[in-house]
Amino acid sequence: MYRVSWVFVGWYLVGLMLMVFFEVPVWLQFANGTFLVLYACCVRRLAETFMGMDLGIKRSAIAGVLTFTVEWVVITTGFPFGAYDYYPMLVFLVTGMPLTIAFA
């Protein structure tokens, strides 16, 4: 899991440099979803370290399912933010919503 942390830090630094000094190329737009997944893995690792493995995995899964469900309800009903949709920039769309939202 420590390797994932280093990959995340590298991914973050490259993305930060591109956004600050240049422009993120269109062919690299998939990086947004990948960033969210790597970030979630690092946060889960911290939860595992401080709360114990079982508790960290359970809480991560509950938070992911809850986040995805709430966002799905908001998108399908339009309440409270109004109607909006996602573009495939965040990669895998499930029922019109990126799966990576669960990792956010």
N, C-alpha and C. Protein backbone atom coordinates (compact mmCIF):
# COMPACT_ATOMS: atom_id res chain seq x y z
N MET A 1 0.81 -1.20 0.00
CA MET A 1 0.00 0.00 0.00
C MET A 1 0.86 1.26 0.00
N TYR A 2 2.06 1.15 0.51
CA TYR A 2 2.94 2.32 0.52
C TYR A 2 3.29 2.75 -0.89
N ARG A 3 3.35 1.80 -1.82
CA ARG A 3 3.63 2.15 -3.21
C ARG A 3 2.51 3.00 -3.79
N VAL A 4 1.27 2.70 -3.41
CA VAL A 4 0.14 3.50 -3.88
C VAL A 4 0.28 4.93 -3.40
N SER A 5 0.78 5.11 -2.18
CA SER A 5 0.98 6.46 -1.66
C SER A 5 2.00 7.23 -2.49
N TRP A 6 3.06 6.57 -2.88
CA TRP A 6 4.08 7.24 -3.69
C TRP A 6 3.56 7.53 -5.09
N VAL A 7 2.78 6.61 -5.64
CA VAL A 7 2.18 6.86 -6.95
C VAL A 7 1.23 8.05 -6.86
N PHE A 8 0.45 8.12 -5.78
CA PHE A 8 -0.47 9.24 -5.59
C PHE A 8 0.29 10.56 -5.50
N VAL A 9 1.35 10.60 -4.73
CA VAL A 9 2.13 11.84 -4.59
C VAL A 9 2.70 12.26 -5.94
N GLY A 10 3.25 11.32 -6.68
CA GLY A 10 3.78 11.63 -8.02
C GLY A 10 2.69 12.12 -8.95
N TRP A 11 1.55 11.43 -8.94
CA TRP A 11 0.41 11.80 -9.78
C TRP A 11 -0.06 13.21 -9.44
N TYR A 12 -0.13 13.49 -8.15
CA TYR A 12 -0.57 14.80 -7.66
C TYR A 12 0.39 15.90 -8.12
N LEU A 13 1.69 15.67 -7.96
CA LEU A 13 2.67 16.69 -8.32
C LEU A 13 2.68 16.98 -9.82
N VAL A 14 2.59 15.93 -10.63
CA VAL A 14 2.55 16.14 -12.08
C VAL A 14 1.28 16.91 -12.46
N GLY A 15 0.14 16.51 -11.89
CA GLY A 15 -1.11 17.21 -12.17
C GLY A 15 -1.07 18.66 -11.72
N LEU A 16 -0.49 18.91 -10.56
CA LEU A 16 -0.38 20.27 -10.05
C LEU A 16 0.48 21.13 -10.98
N MET A 17 1.60 20.60 -11.42
CA MET A 17 2.48 21.33 -12.33
C MET A 17 1.77 21.64 -13.66
N LEU A 18 1.04 20.66 -14.18
CA LEU A 18 0.33 20.88 -15.43
C LEU A 18 -0.74 21.96 -15.27
N MET A 19 -1.47 21.91 -14.17
CA MET A 19 -2.56 22.89 -13.98
C MET A 19 -2.04 24.29 -13.69
N VAL A 20 -0.93 24.40 -13.00
CA VAL A 20 -0.41 25.72 -12.63
C VAL A 20 0.37 26.36 -13.78
N PHE A 21 1.24 25.61 -14.42
CA PHE A 21 2.14 26.19 -15.41
C PHE A 21 1.74 25.95 -16.86
N PHE A 22 0.95 24.95 -17.11
CA PHE A 22 0.59 24.61 -18.49
C PHE A 22 -0.91 24.42 -18.58
N GLU A 23 -1.31 23.47 -19.37
CA GLU A 23 -2.71 23.10 -19.50
C GLU A 23 -2.77 21.57 -19.57
N VAL A 24 -3.75 20.99 -18.93
CA VAL A 24 -3.89 19.53 -18.95
C VAL A 24 -4.38 19.15 -20.35
N PRO A 25 -3.61 18.32 -21.07
CA PRO A 25 -4.03 17.93 -22.42
C PRO A 25 -5.30 17.09 -22.39
N VAL A 26 -6.03 17.14 -23.48
CA VAL A 26 -7.30 16.41 -23.58
C VAL A 26 -7.08 14.92 -23.38
N TRP A 27 -6.00 14.37 -23.92
CA TRP A 27 -5.76 12.94 -23.81
C TRP A 27 -5.44 12.51 -22.38
N LEU A 28 -5.23 13.46 -21.49
CA LEU A 28 -4.91 13.15 -20.09
C LEU A 28 -6.07 13.44 -19.14
N GLN A 29 -7.27 13.67 -19.68
CA GLN A 29 -8.42 13.98 -18.85
C GLN A 29 -8.84 12.81 -17.95
N PHE A 30 -8.50 11.59 -18.34
CA PHE A 30 -8.81 10.43 -17.50
C PHE A 30 -8.13 10.50 -16.15
N ALA A 31 -7.11 11.33 -16.03
CA ALA A 31 -6.33 11.42 -14.80
C ALA A 31 -7.17 11.89 -13.61
N ASN A 32 -8.26 12.61 -13.87
CA ASN A 32 -9.11 13.07 -12.77
C ASN A 32 -9.70 11.90 -11.98
N GLY A 33 -10.25 10.94 -12.69
CA GLY A 33 -10.81 9.78 -12.03
C GLY A 33 -9.75 8.94 -11.34
N THR A 34 -8.62 8.79 -11.99
CA THR A 34 -7.52 8.03 -11.40
C THR A 34 -7.03 8.70 -10.12
N PHE A 35 -6.97 10.03 -10.12
CA PHE A 35 -6.57 10.77 -8.93
C PHE A 35 -7.50 10.46 -7.76
N LEU A 36 -8.81 10.46 -8.00
CA LEU A 36 -9.77 10.18 -6.93
C LEU A 36 -9.60 8.78 -6.36
N VAL A 37 -9.34 7.81 -7.22
CA VAL A 37 -9.16 6.43 -6.74
C VAL A 37 -7.87 6.32 -5.92
N LEU A 38 -6.78 6.90 -6.39
CA LEU A 38 -5.53 6.85 -5.63
C LEU A 38 -5.66 7.59 -4.29
N TYR A 39 -6.35 8.71 -4.31
CA TYR A 39 -6.57 9.47 -3.08
C TYR A 39 -7.36 8.64 -2.07
N ALA A 40 -8.41 7.97 -2.53
CA ALA A 40 -9.21 7.13 -1.65
C ALA A 40 -8.39 5.99 -1.06
N CYS A 41 -7.50 5.41 -1.86
CA CYS A 41 -6.63 4.34 -1.35
C CYS A 41 -5.71 4.85 -0.25
N CYS A 42 -5.19 6.05 -0.41
CA CYS A 42 -4.31 6.62 0.62
C CYS A 42 -5.07 6.94 1.89
N VAL A 43 -6.28 7.47 1.75
CA VAL A 43 -7.10 7.77 2.93
C VAL A 43 -7.48 6.49 3.65
N ARG A 44 -7.81 5.45 2.89
CA ARG A 44 -8.14 4.17 3.51
C ARG A 44 -6.94 3.61 4.26
N ARG A 45 -5.77 3.82 3.71
CA ARG A 45 -4.54 3.37 4.38
C ARG A 45 -4.36 4.09 5.71
N LEU A 46 -4.64 5.38 5.73
CA LEU A 46 -4.58 6.12 6.99
C LEU A 46 -5.61 5.61 7.99
N ALA A 47 -6.82 5.34 7.51
CA ALA A 47 -7.86 4.81 8.39
C ALA A 47 -7.44 3.45 8.94
N GLU A 48 -6.81 2.65 8.09
CA GLU A 48 -6.33 1.33 8.52
C GLU A 48 -5.27 1.48 9.61
N THR A 49 -4.40 2.46 9.46
CA THR A 49 -3.32 2.68 10.42
C THR A 49 -3.86 3.13 11.77
N PHE A 50 -4.82 4.05 11.76
CA PHE A 50 -5.28 4.64 13.01
C PHE A 50 -6.49 3.96 13.64
N MET A 51 -7.29 3.21 12.84
CA MET A 51 -8.50 2.61 13.39
C MET A 51 -8.50 1.09 13.35
N GLY A 52 -7.53 0.49 12.76
CA GLY A 52 -7.52 -0.96 12.61
C GLY A 52 -8.05 -1.34 11.25
N MET A 53 -7.61 -2.45 10.71
CA MET A 53 -7.92 -2.82 9.34
C MET A 53 -9.41 -3.03 9.09
N ASP A 54 -10.08 -3.80 9.93
CA ASP A 54 -11.49 -4.08 9.70
C ASP A 54 -12.33 -2.81 9.75
N LEU A 55 -12.09 -1.99 10.73
CA LEU A 55 -12.86 -0.77 10.88
C LEU A 55 -12.62 0.18 9.71
N GLY A 56 -11.39 0.28 9.25
CA GLY A 56 -11.07 1.15 8.12
C GLY A 56 -11.75 0.71 6.84
N ILE A 57 -11.73 -0.58 6.55
CA ILE A 57 -12.36 -1.10 5.34
C ILE A 57 -13.87 -0.93 5.41
N LYS A 58 -14.46 -1.24 6.56
CA LYS A 58 -15.91 -1.11 6.69
C LYS A 58 -16.35 0.33 6.55
N ARG A 59 -15.67 1.23 7.20
CA ARG A 59 -16.05 2.64 7.11
C ARG A 59 -15.83 3.19 5.71
N SER A 60 -14.77 2.77 5.06
CA SER A 60 -14.53 3.21 3.69
C SER A 60 -15.64 2.73 2.76
N ALA A 61 -16.03 1.48 2.91
CA ALA A 61 -17.09 0.93 2.07
C ALA A 61 -18.42 1.63 2.34
N ILE A 62 -18.73 1.85 3.59
CA ILE A 62 -19.99 2.53 3.94
C ILE A 62 -19.99 3.96 3.39
N ALA A 63 -18.89 4.67 3.55
CA ALA A 63 -18.80 6.04 3.05
C ALA A 63 -18.93 6.08 1.53
N GLY A 64 -18.30 5.13 0.84
CA GLY A 64 -18.39 5.08 -0.62
C GLY A 64 -19.80 4.81 -1.11
N VAL A 65 -20.46 3.83 -0.51
CA VAL A 65 -21.83 3.49 -0.91
C VAL A 65 -22.78 4.65 -0.59
N LEU A 66 -22.62 5.25 0.58
CA LEU A 66 -23.47 6.37 0.97
C LEU A 66 -23.27 7.57 0.03
N THR A 67 -22.04 7.89 -0.27
CA THR A 67 -21.75 9.00 -1.18
C THR A 67 -22.35 8.77 -2.56
N PHE A 68 -22.15 7.57 -3.09
CA PHE A 68 -22.67 7.24 -4.41
C PHE A 68 -24.19 7.31 -4.42
N THR A 69 -24.83 6.79 -3.38
CA THR A 69 -26.30 6.78 -3.31
C THR A 69 -26.86 8.20 -3.23
N VAL A 70 -26.29 9.02 -2.36
CA VAL A 70 -26.77 10.40 -2.24
C VAL A 70 -26.60 11.14 -3.56
N GLU A 71 -25.47 10.99 -4.20
CA GLU A 71 -25.24 11.68 -5.48
C GLU A 71 -26.19 11.17 -6.55
N TRP A 72 -26.49 9.88 -6.55
CA TRP A 72 -27.42 9.32 -7.52
C TRP A 72 -28.82 9.90 -7.31
N VAL A 73 -29.25 10.02 -6.06
CA VAL A 73 -30.56 10.60 -5.77
C VAL A 73 -30.61 12.06 -6.23
N VAL A 74 -29.55 12.81 -5.98
CA VAL A 74 -29.50 14.22 -6.40
C VAL A 74 -29.58 14.33 -7.92
N ILE A 75 -28.88 13.46 -8.63
CA ILE A 75 -28.88 13.53 -10.10
C ILE A 75 -30.24 13.12 -10.66
N THR A 76 -30.85 12.10 -10.12
CA THR A 76 -32.11 11.63 -10.68
C THR A 76 -33.29 12.53 -10.32
N THR A 77 -33.27 13.16 -9.15
CA THR A 77 -34.39 14.03 -8.75
C THR A 77 -34.13 15.50 -9.03
N GLY A 78 -32.88 15.91 -9.09
CA GLY A 78 -32.57 17.31 -9.29
C GLY A 78 -32.64 18.12 -8.01
N PHE A 79 -32.93 17.47 -6.90
CA PHE A 79 -33.02 18.19 -5.61
C PHE A 79 -31.74 18.03 -4.83
N PRO A 80 -31.16 18.99 -4.29
CA PRO A 80 -31.53 20.40 -4.15
C PRO A 80 -30.80 21.32 -5.13
N PHE A 81 -29.96 20.79 -6.00
CA PHE A 81 -29.11 21.63 -6.85
C PHE A 81 -29.65 21.87 -8.24
N GLY A 82 -30.73 21.23 -8.61
CA GLY A 82 -31.24 21.33 -9.97
C GLY A 82 -30.64 20.24 -10.85
N ALA A 83 -31.07 20.21 -12.09
CA ALA A 83 -30.64 19.16 -13.01
C ALA A 83 -29.21 19.42 -13.50
N TYR A 84 -28.42 18.40 -13.48
CA TYR A 84 -27.07 18.43 -14.06
C TYR A 84 -26.65 17.01 -14.38
N ASP A 85 -25.62 16.88 -15.17
CA ASP A 85 -25.11 15.56 -15.51
C ASP A 85 -23.59 15.62 -15.60
N TYR A 86 -23.00 14.44 -15.66
CA TYR A 86 -21.55 14.32 -15.73
C TYR A 86 -21.11 13.96 -17.12
N TYR A 87 -19.95 14.47 -17.50
CA TYR A 87 -19.34 14.07 -18.75
C TYR A 87 -18.43 12.88 -18.48
N PRO A 88 -18.12 12.09 -19.49
CA PRO A 88 -17.31 10.89 -19.27
C PRO A 88 -15.85 11.18 -18.90
N MET A 89 -15.52 12.41 -18.54
CA MET A 89 -14.15 12.77 -18.17
C MET A 89 -13.68 11.97 -16.95
N LEU A 90 -14.58 11.65 -16.04
CA LEU A 90 -14.21 10.92 -14.84
C LEU A 90 -14.26 9.41 -15.05
N VAL A 91 -14.28 8.98 -16.26
CA VAL A 91 -14.15 7.60 -16.72
C VAL A 91 -15.45 6.82 -16.58
N PHE A 92 -15.52 5.79 -15.78
CA PHE A 92 -16.61 4.82 -15.77
C PHE A 92 -17.92 5.44 -15.28
N LEU A 93 -18.91 5.54 -16.19
CA LEU A 93 -20.22 6.06 -15.81
C LEU A 93 -21.15 4.90 -15.48
N VAL A 94 -21.81 4.97 -14.33
CA VAL A 94 -22.80 3.99 -13.92
C VAL A 94 -24.09 4.76 -13.69
N THR A 95 -25.12 4.44 -14.45
CA THR A 95 -26.40 5.16 -14.43
C THR A 95 -26.19 6.66 -14.60
N GLY A 96 -25.28 7.05 -15.48
CA GLY A 96 -25.04 8.45 -15.77
C GLY A 96 -24.15 9.18 -14.77
N MET A 97 -23.59 8.45 -13.84
CA MET A 97 -22.77 9.04 -12.80
C MET A 97 -21.43 8.31 -12.72
N PRO A 98 -20.34 9.05 -12.56
CA PRO A 98 -19.03 8.40 -12.47
C PRO A 98 -18.89 7.51 -11.23
N LEU A 99 -18.38 6.34 -11.42
CA LEU A 99 -18.14 5.43 -10.30
C LEU A 99 -17.13 6.04 -9.33
N THR A 100 -16.26 6.89 -9.83
CA THR A 100 -15.24 7.49 -8.98
C THR A 100 -15.82 8.43 -7.92
N ILE A 101 -17.08 8.82 -8.06
CA ILE A 101 -17.73 9.65 -7.03
C ILE A 101 -17.74 8.91 -5.70
N ALA A 102 -17.88 7.60 -5.74
CA ALA A 102 -17.85 6.81 -4.49
C ALA A 102 -16.49 6.93 -3.80
N PHE A 103 -15.45 7.13 -4.58
CA PHE A 103 -14.11 7.28 -3.99
C PHE A 103 -13.86 8.70 -3.49
N ALA A 104 -14.62 9.65 -4.00
CA ALA A 104 -14.43 11.04 -3.61
C ALA A 104 -14.79 11.21 -2.15
